[in-house]
Amino acid sequence: MSTNLNTANSAVSVKTASVAQSLTAIVLGLFVVGFVGFSHVEAVHNAAHDTRHANAFPCH
């Protein structure tokens, strides 16, 4: 019986970790788009712009 409980606890912790990682990625993505994409600091904006072009992602 303890083997089944350990397996169930492991599945729950993996799911919780997956949700936490997804939320972290979403928050980081929104920060990058919001801060870097609309930054008035020219160096920050140009670095993001050059990275988009380096990855063959059209932006204009």
C-alpha atoms as a PDB file:
ATOM      1  CA  MET A   1       0.000   0.000   0.000  1.00  0.00           C
ATOM      2  CA  SER A   2       2.824   2.425   0.732  1.00  0.00           C
ATOM      3  CA  THR A   3       4.145   1.979  -2.796  1.00  0.00           C
ATOM      4  CA  ASN A   4       0.854   3.227  -4.210  1.00  0.00           C
ATOM      5  CA  LEU A   5       0.865   6.237  -1.882  1.00  0.00           C
ATOM      6  CA  ASN A   6       4.427   7.103  -2.853  1.00  0.00           C
ATOM      7  CA  THR A   7       3.533   6.883  -6.530  1.00  0.00           C
ATOM      8  CA  ALA A   8       0.473   9.107  -6.028  1.00  0.00           C
ATOM      9  CA  ASN A   9       2.464  11.669  -4.034  1.00  0.00           C
ATOM     10  CA  SER A  10       5.152  11.655  -6.704  1.00  0.00           C
ATOM     11  CA  ALA A  11       2.583  12.271  -9.444  1.00  0.00           C
ATOM     12  CA  VAL A  12       1.083  15.189  -7.514  1.00  0.00           C
ATOM     13  CA  SER A  13       4.482  16.771  -6.875  1.00  0.00           C
ATOM     14  CA  VAL A  14       5.441  16.430 -10.559  1.00  0.00           C
ATOM     15  CA  LYS A  15       2.161  18.079 -11.588  1.00  0.00           C
ATOM     16  CA  THR A  16       2.687  20.881  -9.073  1.00  0.00           C
ATOM     17  CA  ALA A  17       6.223  21.439 -10.328  1.00  0.00           C
ATOM     18  CA  SER A  18       4.986  21.515 -13.915  1.00  0.00           C
ATOM     19  CA  VAL A  19       2.350  24.125 -13.090  1.00  0.00           C
ATOM     20  CA  ALA A  20       4.916  26.229 -11.213  1.00  0.00           C
ATOM     21  CA  GLN A  21       7.327  26.069 -14.150  1.00  0.00           C
ATOM     22  CA  SER A  22       4.584  27.055 -16.585  1.00  0.00           C
ATOM     23  CA  LEU A  23       3.543  30.032 -14.480  1.00  0.00           C
ATOM     24  CA  THR A  24       7.156  31.128 -14.115  1.00  0.00           C
ATOM     25  CA  ALA A  25       7.637  30.975 -17.889  1.00  0.00           C
ATOM     26  CA  ILE A  26       4.475  33.000 -18.479  1.00  0.00           C
ATOM     27  CA  VAL A  27       5.473  35.686 -15.970  1.00  0.00           C
ATOM     28  CA  LEU A  28       8.990  35.891 -17.413  1.00  0.00           C
ATOM     29  CA  GLY A  29       7.605  36.127 -20.946  1.00  0.00           C
ATOM     30  CA  LEU A  30       5.223  38.924 -20.011  1.00  0.00           C
ATOM     31  CA  PHE A  31       8.063  40.765 -18.287  1.00  0.00           C
ATOM     32  CA  VAL A  32      10.291  40.473 -21.346  1.00  0.00           C
ATOM     33  CA  VAL A  33       7.566  41.649 -23.716  1.00  0.00           C
ATOM     34  CA  GLY A  34       6.388  44.410 -21.408  1.00  0.00           C
ATOM     35  CA  PHE A  35       9.756  45.727 -20.275  1.00  0.00           C
ATOM     36  CA  VAL A  36      12.095  45.032 -23.164  1.00  0.00           C
ATOM     37  CA  GLY A  37       9.611  45.413 -25.999  1.00  0.00           C
ATOM     38  CA  PHE A  38       8.357  48.789 -24.826  1.00  0.00           C
ATOM     39  CA  SER A  39      11.499  50.046 -23.151  1.00  0.00           C
ATOM     40  CA  HIS A  40      12.502  53.636 -23.695  1.00  0.00           C
ATOM     41  CA  VAL A  41      16.114  52.696 -22.996  1.00  0.00           C
ATOM     42  CA  GLU A  42      17.495  52.459 -26.514  1.00  0.00           C
ATOM     43  CA  ALA A  43      20.216  49.901 -25.697  1.00  0.00           C
ATOM     44  CA  VAL A  44      17.702  47.479 -24.174  1.00  0.00           C
ATOM     45  CA  HIS A  45      15.275  47.842 -27.053  1.00  0.00           C
ATOM     46  CA  ASN A  46      18.009  47.459 -29.683  1.00  0.00           C
ATOM     47  CA  ALA A  47      19.356  44.313 -27.994  1.00  0.00           C
ATOM     48  CA  ALA A  48      15.906  42.716 -28.175  1.00  0.00           C
ATOM     49  CA  HIS A  49      15.488  43.920 -31.758  1.00  0.00           C
ATOM     50  CA  ASP A  50      18.809  42.442 -32.855  1.00  0.00           C
ATOM     51  CA  THR A  51      17.995  39.153 -31.101  1.00  0.00           C
ATOM     52  CA  ARG A  52      14.708  38.878 -32.985  1.00  0.00           C
ATOM     53  CA  HIS A  53      16.519  39.369 -36.286  1.00  0.00           C
ATOM     54  CA  ALA A  54      19.272  36.917 -35.320  1.00  0.00           C
ATOM     55  CA  ASN A  55      16.588  34.262 -34.738  1.00  0.00           C
ATOM     56  CA  ALA A  56      14.978  35.023 -38.120  1.00  0.00           C
ATOM     57  CA  PHE A  57      11.864  36.440 -36.433  1.00  0.00           C
ATOM     58  CA  PRO A  58      10.463  39.333 -38.459  1.00  0.00           C
ATOM     59  CA  CYS A  59       9.432  42.320 -36.401  1.00  0.00           C
ATOM     60  CA  HIS A  60       8.761  44.990 -39.011  1.00  0.00           C
END
